[in-house]
Amino acid sequence: MRKIKKLQIAAILAAVILVLALCAEAVTKITFVNRTDRDVYVALYVDNATRGWYHIAPSATWVYELRENVWNVGYYAEGRAYGRNTLYWEGGLFRGWIHPTEPFNVRRQTRQNRPLGGRQVGFRHIALIRERDFDERITNFVATVTLVENPQVGNPGATE
């Protein structure tokens, strides 16, 4: 009788583990590579919401991870160095609100939701690449954005 009870408990635990594995969520990882000698500050556009600023030191890499299903992802960035002109990485596909100097998180892109002192900018589209896990059940997305000194000349991993 006890053996049957132990087997039942083991079978239930195995079923729970299997269900949890099947329900795992997809992950979107976006890698930003700063190939400049400036501090770069990134703002993200994710499905009609904007958030920022994320700092990337010169010659550094930063990975942003989303644990949600996303459809539209973009970025706007500024490269700053004391005594030099600011570099801007911006696009025209998505428009969103940012605050020029303070952290922000705007959930809906309406004039009423803009941050006090904020402005609207264009975000570059990030092309996500589909990547399946080992058992083909979960689809993950990845992208790499390389920030270079001349933001007007193409940007691998991103499209206008």
N, C-alpha and C. Protein backbone atom coordinates (compact mmCIF):
# COMPACT_ATOMS: atom_id res chain seq x y z
N MET A 1 0.82 -1.19 0.00
CA MET A 1 0.00 0.00 0.00
C MET A 1 0.87 1.26 0.00
N ARG A 2 1.93 1.25 0.82
CA ARG A 2 2.81 2.41 0.89
C ARG A 2 3.57 2.60 -0.40
N LYS A 3 3.96 1.49 -1.06
CA LYS A 3 4.67 1.58 -2.33
C LYS A 3 3.79 2.24 -3.39
N ILE A 4 2.51 1.87 -3.40
CA ILE A 4 1.58 2.45 -4.37
C ILE A 4 1.44 3.95 -4.11
N LYS A 5 1.35 4.36 -2.87
CA LYS A 5 1.23 5.77 -2.51
C LYS A 5 2.48 6.54 -2.94
N LYS A 6 3.66 5.95 -2.72
CA LYS A 6 4.91 6.60 -3.12
C LYS A 6 4.98 6.72 -4.64
N LEU A 7 4.56 5.70 -5.35
CA LEU A 7 4.55 5.75 -6.82
C LEU A 7 3.58 6.82 -7.32
N GLN A 8 2.43 6.94 -6.68
CA GLN A 8 1.47 7.97 -7.07
C GLN A 8 2.04 9.37 -6.87
N ILE A 9 2.70 9.58 -5.74
CA ILE A 9 3.31 10.89 -5.46
C ILE A 9 4.42 11.17 -6.48
N ALA A 10 5.23 10.18 -6.78
CA ALA A 10 6.30 10.36 -7.76
C ALA A 10 5.73 10.68 -9.14
N ALA A 11 4.65 10.00 -9.51
CA ALA A 11 4.02 10.26 -10.82
C ALA A 11 3.43 11.66 -10.87
N ILE A 12 2.83 12.10 -9.79
CA ILE A 12 2.26 13.45 -9.74
C ILE A 12 3.38 14.50 -9.84
N LEU A 13 4.47 14.30 -9.12
CA LEU A 13 5.61 15.23 -9.19
C LEU A 13 6.20 15.28 -10.60
N ALA A 14 6.32 14.14 -11.23
CA ALA A 14 6.85 14.11 -12.60
C ALA A 14 5.93 14.85 -13.56
N ALA A 15 4.62 14.69 -13.38
CA ALA A 15 3.65 15.39 -14.23
C ALA A 15 3.72 16.90 -14.02
N VAL A 16 3.88 17.33 -12.77
CA VAL A 16 3.98 18.76 -12.47
C VAL A 16 5.24 19.34 -13.11
N ILE A 17 6.36 18.65 -13.01
CA ILE A 17 7.61 19.11 -13.60
C ILE A 17 7.47 19.20 -15.12
N LEU A 18 6.85 18.23 -15.72
CA LEU A 18 6.64 18.24 -17.17
C LEU A 18 5.77 19.42 -17.60
N VAL A 19 4.70 19.67 -16.87
CA VAL A 19 3.81 20.80 -17.20
C VAL A 19 4.56 22.12 -17.05
N LEU A 20 5.34 22.27 -15.99
CA LEU A 20 6.11 23.51 -15.80
C LEU A 20 7.11 23.71 -16.92
N ALA A 21 7.75 22.64 -17.36
CA ALA A 21 8.72 22.74 -18.46
C ALA A 21 8.04 23.15 -19.75
N LEU A 22 6.85 22.63 -20.00
CA LEU A 22 6.12 22.97 -21.22
C LEU A 22 5.58 24.39 -21.20
N CYS A 23 5.34 24.93 -20.01
CA CYS A 23 4.78 26.27 -19.89
C CYS A 23 5.86 27.34 -19.74
N ALA A 24 7.11 27.00 -19.87
CA ALA A 24 8.18 27.99 -19.74
C ALA A 24 7.99 29.07 -20.80
N GLU A 25 8.34 30.27 -20.42
CA GLU A 25 8.10 31.39 -21.33
C GLU A 25 9.31 31.65 -22.22
N ALA A 26 9.03 32.25 -23.34
CA ALA A 26 10.08 32.62 -24.28
C ALA A 26 10.86 33.81 -23.71
N VAL A 27 12.09 33.92 -24.13
CA VAL A 27 12.96 35.01 -23.69
C VAL A 27 13.46 35.74 -24.91
N THR A 28 13.46 37.06 -24.84
CA THR A 28 14.05 37.89 -25.89
C THR A 28 15.29 38.54 -25.30
N LYS A 29 16.44 38.30 -25.93
CA LYS A 29 17.70 38.89 -25.47
C LYS A 29 18.25 39.80 -26.55
N ILE A 30 18.49 41.05 -26.16
CA ILE A 30 19.05 42.03 -27.08
C ILE A 30 20.41 42.45 -26.53
N THR A 31 21.45 42.23 -27.31
CA THR A 31 22.80 42.57 -26.91
C THR A 31 23.20 43.88 -27.57
N PHE A 32 23.60 44.85 -26.76
CA PHE A 32 24.09 46.13 -27.26
C PHE A 32 25.61 46.16 -27.10
N VAL A 33 26.31 46.50 -28.17
CA VAL A 33 27.77 46.57 -28.15
C VAL A 33 28.16 48.02 -28.44
N ASN A 34 28.83 48.66 -27.49
CA ASN A 34 29.27 50.04 -27.65
C ASN A 34 30.67 50.05 -28.25
N ARG A 35 30.77 50.36 -29.53
CA ARG A 35 32.07 50.41 -30.20
C ARG A 35 32.55 51.85 -30.35
N THR A 36 32.25 52.68 -29.37
CA THR A 36 32.68 54.07 -29.40
C THR A 36 33.53 54.35 -28.17
N ASP A 37 34.09 55.56 -28.13
CA ASP A 37 34.85 55.98 -26.95
C ASP A 37 34.00 56.89 -26.07
N ARG A 38 32.68 56.79 -26.21
CA ARG A 38 31.75 57.63 -25.45
C ARG A 38 30.85 56.78 -24.57
N ASP A 39 30.34 57.41 -23.52
CA ASP A 39 29.29 56.78 -22.73
C ASP A 39 28.00 56.85 -23.55
N VAL A 40 27.33 55.71 -23.71
CA VAL A 40 26.11 55.65 -24.49
C VAL A 40 24.94 55.37 -23.54
N TYR A 41 23.84 56.10 -23.76
CA TYR A 41 22.63 55.93 -22.97
C TYR A 41 21.52 55.49 -23.91
N VAL A 42 20.89 54.36 -23.59
CA VAL A 42 19.91 53.73 -24.47
C VAL A 42 18.51 53.83 -23.87
N ALA A 43 17.55 54.16 -24.74
CA ALA A 43 16.13 54.10 -24.39
C ALA A 43 15.51 53.02 -25.27
N LEU A 44 14.61 52.24 -24.72
CA LEU A 44 13.99 51.15 -25.46
C LEU A 44 12.52 51.42 -25.72
N TYR A 45 12.07 50.96 -26.89
CA TYR A 45 10.65 50.99 -27.26
C TYR A 45 10.22 49.53 -27.35
N VAL A 46 9.26 49.14 -26.51
CA VAL A 46 8.77 47.76 -26.51
C VAL A 46 7.25 47.80 -26.53
N ASP A 47 6.69 47.44 -27.69
CA ASP A 47 5.22 47.38 -27.83
C ASP A 47 4.51 48.60 -27.26
N ASN A 48 4.83 49.76 -27.80
CA ASN A 48 4.16 51.01 -27.46
C ASN A 48 4.48 51.53 -26.06
N ALA A 49 5.54 51.04 -25.45
CA ALA A 49 6.00 51.56 -24.16
C ALA A 49 7.48 51.93 -24.32
N THR A 50 7.90 52.99 -23.64
CA THR A 50 9.31 53.37 -23.69
C THR A 50 9.86 53.38 -22.27
N ARG A 51 11.14 53.03 -22.16
CA ARG A 51 11.81 53.06 -20.86
C ARG A 51 13.29 53.35 -21.07
N GLY A 52 13.88 53.98 -20.11
CA GLY A 52 15.30 54.31 -20.20
C GLY A 52 15.71 55.08 -18.95
N TRP A 53 16.84 55.40 -18.81
CA TRP A 53 18.04 55.25 -19.61
C TRP A 53 18.87 54.09 -19.11
N TYR A 54 19.52 53.40 -20.05
CA TYR A 54 20.43 52.30 -19.71
C TYR A 54 21.82 52.72 -20.17
N HIS A 55 22.77 52.72 -19.26
CA HIS A 55 24.12 53.19 -19.54
C HIS A 55 25.00 52.05 -20.06
N ILE A 56 25.75 52.34 -21.13
CA ILE A 56 26.74 51.39 -21.65
C ILE A 56 28.07 52.14 -21.74
N ALA A 57 29.04 51.69 -21.00
CA ALA A 57 30.36 52.34 -20.99
C ALA A 57 31.06 52.14 -22.33
N PRO A 58 32.07 52.97 -22.63
CA PRO A 58 32.82 52.79 -23.88
C PRO A 58 33.41 51.38 -23.99
N SER A 59 33.29 50.80 -25.16
CA SER A 59 33.81 49.47 -25.48
C SER A 59 33.17 48.36 -24.65
N ALA A 60 32.01 48.60 -24.09
CA ALA A 60 31.35 47.60 -23.25
C ALA A 60 30.16 46.96 -23.99
N THR A 61 29.67 45.87 -23.42
CA THR A 61 28.51 45.16 -23.94
C THR A 61 27.47 45.07 -22.83
N TRP A 62 26.21 45.21 -23.21
CA TRP A 62 25.10 45.13 -22.26
C TRP A 62 24.00 44.28 -22.87
N VAL A 63 23.43 43.38 -22.08
CA VAL A 63 22.35 42.51 -22.57
C VAL A 63 21.06 42.88 -21.84
N TYR A 64 20.03 43.15 -22.63
CA TYR A 64 18.70 43.43 -22.10
C TYR A 64 17.85 42.20 -22.34
N GLU A 65 17.20 41.71 -21.29
CA GLU A 65 16.42 40.48 -21.39
C GLU A 65 14.96 40.76 -21.09
N LEU A 66 14.10 40.35 -22.00
CA LEU A 66 12.65 40.50 -21.84
C LEU A 66 12.04 39.13 -21.64
N ARG A 67 11.21 38.97 -20.63
CA ARG A 67 10.51 37.71 -20.39
C ARG A 67 9.03 37.88 -20.68
N GLU A 68 8.76 38.35 -21.87
CA GLU A 68 7.39 38.57 -22.30
C GLU A 68 7.35 38.46 -23.82
N ASN A 69 6.17 38.19 -24.35
CA ASN A 69 6.04 38.16 -25.81
C ASN A 69 6.02 39.59 -26.32
N VAL A 70 6.88 39.89 -27.27
CA VAL A 70 6.96 41.24 -27.81
C VAL A 70 6.77 41.20 -29.33
N TRP A 71 6.21 42.28 -29.86
CA TRP A 71 6.00 42.38 -31.30
C TRP A 71 6.90 43.43 -31.92
N ASN A 72 6.96 44.60 -31.30
CA ASN A 72 7.74 45.71 -31.84
C ASN A 72 8.79 46.15 -30.83
N VAL A 73 10.04 46.12 -31.25
CA VAL A 73 11.13 46.51 -30.37
C VAL A 73 12.02 47.49 -31.12
N GLY A 74 12.39 48.57 -30.44
CA GLY A 74 13.27 49.56 -31.05
C GLY A 74 14.14 50.21 -29.99
N TYR A 75 15.09 51.02 -30.45
CA TYR A 75 15.96 51.73 -29.52
C TYR A 75 16.28 53.13 -30.03
N TYR A 76 16.57 53.99 -29.10
CA TYR A 76 17.07 55.34 -29.35
C TYR A 76 18.26 55.46 -28.42
N ALA A 77 19.36 56.03 -28.89
CA ALA A 77 20.54 56.12 -28.04
C ALA A 77 21.26 57.45 -28.27
N GLU A 78 21.95 57.87 -27.22
CA GLU A 78 22.78 59.07 -27.28
C GLU A 78 24.16 58.72 -26.75
N GLY A 79 25.19 59.13 -27.50
CA GLY A 79 26.57 58.93 -27.07
C GLY A 79 27.14 60.26 -26.62
N ARG A 80 27.55 60.34 -25.37
CA ARG A 80 28.01 61.61 -24.81
C ARG A 80 29.46 61.52 -24.35
N ALA A 81 30.19 62.60 -24.61
CA ALA A 81 31.57 62.73 -24.14
C ALA A 81 31.80 64.20 -23.83
N TYR A 82 32.46 64.48 -22.74
CA TYR A 82 32.68 65.86 -22.31
C TYR A 82 33.41 66.65 -23.39
N GLY A 83 32.87 67.80 -23.73
CA GLY A 83 33.52 68.69 -24.70
C GLY A 83 33.38 68.27 -26.14
N ARG A 84 32.55 67.26 -26.43
CA ARG A 84 32.36 66.79 -27.80
C ARG A 84 30.88 66.77 -28.14
N ASN A 85 30.58 66.76 -29.43
CA ASN A 85 29.19 66.69 -29.87
C ASN A 85 28.58 65.35 -29.46
N THR A 86 27.29 65.38 -29.20
CA THR A 86 26.56 64.16 -28.86
C THR A 86 26.21 63.40 -30.13
N LEU A 87 26.40 62.09 -30.10
CA LEU A 87 25.98 61.23 -31.21
C LEU A 87 24.55 60.76 -30.93
N TYR A 88 23.74 60.67 -31.98
CA TYR A 88 22.36 60.22 -31.82
C TYR A 88 22.11 59.02 -32.73
N TRP A 89 21.53 57.97 -32.18
CA TRP A 89 21.07 56.82 -32.96
C TRP A 89 19.55 56.86 -32.88
N GLU A 90 18.93 57.33 -33.93
CA GLU A 90 17.47 57.42 -33.93
C GLU A 90 16.92 56.96 -35.27
N GLY A 91 15.65 56.64 -35.30
CA GLY A 91 15.02 56.16 -36.52
C GLY A 91 13.64 56.76 -36.68
N GLY A 92 12.90 56.26 -37.65
CA GLY A 92 11.60 56.84 -37.91
C GLY A 92 10.45 55.86 -37.83
N LEU A 93 10.74 54.59 -37.57
CA LEU A 93 9.67 53.59 -37.58
C LEU A 93 8.72 53.73 -36.39
N PHE A 94 9.27 53.91 -35.20
CA PHE A 94 8.47 54.08 -33.99
C PHE A 94 8.72 55.47 -33.43
N ARG A 95 7.67 56.11 -32.91
CA ARG A 95 7.81 57.39 -32.22
C ARG A 95 7.44 57.15 -30.76
N GLY A 96 8.24 57.69 -29.85
CA GLY A 96 7.95 57.49 -28.44
C GLY A 96 8.49 58.63 -27.60
N TRP A 97 7.97 58.73 -26.38
CA TRP A 97 8.36 59.77 -25.44
C TRP A 97 9.56 59.34 -24.61
N ILE A 98 10.47 60.27 -24.40
CA ILE A 98 11.61 60.07 -23.51
C ILE A 98 11.73 61.30 -22.62
N HIS A 99 12.48 61.18 -21.57
CA HIS A 99 12.89 62.36 -20.80
C HIS A 99 14.36 62.56 -21.10
N PRO A 100 14.78 63.79 -21.43
CA PRO A 100 16.16 64.00 -21.87
C PRO A 100 17.23 63.65 -20.84
N THR A 101 16.92 63.71 -19.55
CA THR A 101 17.97 63.49 -18.55
C THR A 101 17.60 62.53 -17.43
N GLU A 102 16.33 62.33 -17.16
CA GLU A 102 15.89 61.51 -16.03
C GLU A 102 15.43 60.13 -16.50
N PRO A 103 15.50 59.11 -15.62
CA PRO A 103 14.92 57.80 -15.96
C PRO A 103 13.42 57.93 -16.22
N PHE A 104 12.89 57.10 -17.11
CA PHE A 104 11.48 57.19 -17.44
C PHE A 104 10.94 55.82 -17.80
N ASN A 105 9.62 55.68 -17.68
CA ASN A 105 8.91 54.46 -18.08
C ASN A 105 7.52 54.90 -18.50
N VAL A 106 7.31 55.03 -19.80
CA VAL A 106 6.03 55.49 -20.34
C VAL A 106 5.31 54.28 -20.91
N ARG A 107 4.20 53.89 -20.31
CA ARG A 107 3.50 52.67 -20.71
C ARG A 107 2.67 52.82 -21.98
N ARG A 108 2.10 53.98 -22.22
CA ARG A 108 1.33 54.21 -23.45
C ARG A 108 1.79 55.51 -24.06
N GLN A 109 1.96 55.52 -25.37
CA GLN A 109 2.51 56.69 -26.05
C GLN A 109 1.42 57.69 -26.42
N THR A 110 0.90 58.37 -25.41
CA THR A 110 -0.07 59.44 -25.65
C THR A 110 0.49 60.73 -25.06
N ARG A 111 -0.01 61.84 -25.54
CA ARG A 111 0.47 63.13 -25.05
C ARG A 111 0.22 63.27 -23.54
N GLN A 112 -0.87 62.70 -23.05
CA GLN A 112 -1.19 62.79 -21.63
C GLN A 112 -0.21 61.99 -20.78
N ASN A 113 0.41 60.96 -21.34
CA ASN A 113 1.32 60.09 -20.58
C ASN A 113 2.79 60.50 -20.68
N ARG A 114 3.07 61.55 -21.42
CA ARG A 114 4.48 61.93 -21.60
C ARG A 114 5.09 62.37 -20.28
N PRO A 115 6.39 62.12 -20.10
CA PRO A 115 7.03 62.57 -18.86
C PRO A 115 7.14 64.09 -18.86
N LEU A 116 7.01 64.70 -17.70
CA LEU A 116 7.14 66.14 -17.56
C LEU A 116 8.52 66.57 -18.08
N GLY A 117 8.55 67.45 -19.05
CA GLY A 117 9.82 67.87 -19.65
C GLY A 117 10.29 66.93 -20.74
N GLY A 118 9.46 65.95 -21.09
CA GLY A 118 9.84 64.95 -22.08
C GLY A 118 9.70 65.46 -23.51
N ARG A 119 10.26 64.68 -24.43
CA ARG A 119 10.14 64.99 -25.85
C ARG A 119 9.95 63.69 -26.61
N GLN A 120 9.40 63.82 -27.80
CA GLN A 120 9.16 62.65 -28.64
C GLN A 120 10.32 62.47 -29.61
N VAL A 121 10.79 61.22 -29.76
CA VAL A 121 11.91 60.92 -30.66
C VAL A 121 11.56 59.70 -31.50
N GLY A 122 12.35 59.47 -32.53
CA GLY A 122 12.20 58.28 -33.36
C GLY A 122 13.09 57.16 -32.87
N PHE A 123 12.56 55.96 -32.86
CA PHE A 123 13.30 54.78 -32.42
C PHE A 123 13.64 53.91 -33.62
N ARG A 124 14.85 53.36 -33.64
CA ARG A 124 15.25 52.41 -34.68
C ARG A 124 14.66 51.04 -34.39
N HIS A 125 14.23 50.38 -35.42
CA HIS A 125 13.67 49.04 -35.30
C HIS A 125 14.79 48.04 -35.03
N ILE A 126 14.57 47.10 -34.14
CA ILE A 126 15.52 46.02 -33.88
C ILE A 126 14.95 44.75 -34.49
N ALA A 127 15.68 44.19 -35.44
CA ALA A 127 15.24 42.95 -36.10
C ALA A 127 15.57 41.77 -35.19
N LEU A 128 14.54 41.12 -34.68
CA LEU A 128 14.73 39.96 -33.80
C LEU A 128 14.87 38.70 -34.64
N ILE A 129 15.79 37.84 -34.23
CA ILE A 129 16.04 36.58 -34.92
C ILE A 129 15.48 35.46 -34.07
N ARG A 130 14.67 34.60 -34.68
CA ARG A 130 14.05 33.48 -33.97
C ARG A 130 15.10 32.41 -33.68
N GLU A 131 15.08 31.91 -32.46
CA GLU A 131 16.03 30.88 -32.03
C GLU A 131 15.25 29.87 -31.21
N ARG A 132 15.25 28.61 -31.61
CA ARG A 132 14.50 27.58 -30.88
C ARG A 132 15.40 26.89 -29.87
N ASP A 133 14.79 26.45 -28.78
CA ASP A 133 15.57 25.72 -27.78
C ASP A 133 15.76 24.27 -28.23
N PHE A 134 16.42 23.49 -27.41
CA PHE A 134 16.83 22.14 -27.79
C PHE A 134 15.67 21.22 -28.14
N ASP A 135 14.52 21.41 -27.55
CA ASP A 135 13.42 20.49 -27.83
C ASP A 135 12.33 21.11 -28.71
N GLU A 136 12.62 22.29 -29.30
CA GLU A 136 11.73 22.94 -30.27
C GLU A 136 10.39 23.38 -29.68
N ARG A 137 10.27 23.42 -28.35
CA ARG A 137 8.99 23.82 -27.77
C ARG A 137 8.91 25.32 -27.50
N ILE A 138 10.04 25.91 -27.17
CA ILE A 138 10.05 27.32 -26.81
C ILE A 138 10.83 28.10 -27.86
N THR A 139 10.25 29.18 -28.33
CA THR A 139 10.92 30.03 -29.29
C THR A 139 11.48 31.24 -28.56
N ASN A 140 12.78 31.41 -28.63
CA ASN A 140 13.43 32.58 -28.08
C ASN A 140 13.83 33.50 -29.23
N PHE A 141 14.01 34.77 -28.93
CA PHE A 141 14.44 35.73 -29.93
C PHE A 141 15.71 36.40 -29.45
N VAL A 142 16.61 36.65 -30.39
CA VAL A 142 17.86 37.31 -30.08
C VAL A 142 18.13 38.41 -31.10
N ALA A 143 18.93 39.39 -30.69
CA ALA A 143 19.36 40.44 -31.60
C ALA A 143 20.63 41.06 -31.04
N THR A 144 21.45 41.59 -31.93
CA THR A 144 22.64 42.32 -31.53
C THR A 144 22.61 43.68 -32.21
N VAL A 145 22.80 44.72 -31.43
CA VAL A 145 22.87 46.09 -31.94
C VAL A 145 24.27 46.59 -31.67
N THR A 146 24.98 46.99 -32.73
CA THR A 146 26.33 47.52 -32.58
C THR A 146 26.28 49.02 -32.78
N LEU A 147 26.70 49.76 -31.76
CA LEU A 147 26.71 51.22 -31.81
C LEU A 147 28.09 51.68 -32.24
N VAL A 148 28.17 52.37 -33.37
CA VAL A 148 29.45 52.81 -33.92
C VAL A 148 29.52 54.33 -33.93
N GLU A 149 30.71 54.89 -34.20
CA GLU A 149 30.93 56.33 -34.15
C GLU A 149 30.03 57.12 -35.10
N ASN A 150 29.73 56.57 -36.28
CA ASN A 150 28.92 57.28 -37.25
C ASN A 150 27.54 56.63 -37.33
N PRO A 151 26.59 57.08 -36.52
CA PRO A 151 25.29 56.41 -36.46
C PRO A 151 24.48 56.50 -37.74
N GLN A 152 24.82 57.41 -38.65
CA GLN A 152 24.07 57.55 -39.90
C GLN A 152 24.42 56.47 -40.90
N VAL A 153 25.60 55.86 -40.76
CA VAL A 153 26.00 54.78 -41.65
C VAL A 153 25.49 53.50 -41.06
N GLY A 154 24.73 52.70 -41.80
CA GLY A 154 24.11 51.46 -41.35
C GLY A 154 24.44 50.98 -39.95
N ASN A 155 23.62 50.15 -39.42
CA ASN A 155 23.80 49.62 -38.08
C ASN A 155 23.44 48.14 -38.10
N PRO A 156 24.45 47.25 -38.10
CA PRO A 156 24.15 45.81 -38.15
C PRO A 156 23.21 45.40 -37.01
N GLY A 157 22.20 44.61 -37.37
CA GLY A 157 21.27 44.13 -36.35
C GLY A 157 20.07 45.04 -36.17
N ALA A 158 20.08 46.18 -36.83
CA ALA A 158 18.95 47.10 -36.70
C ALA A 158 18.58 47.61 -38.08
N THR A 159 17.32 47.91 -38.27
CA THR A 159 16.87 48.45 -39.54
C THR A 159 16.08 49.71 -39.30
N GLU A 160 16.03 50.56 -40.28
CA GLU A 160 15.26 51.80 -40.16
C GLU A 160 13.82 51.54 -40.45
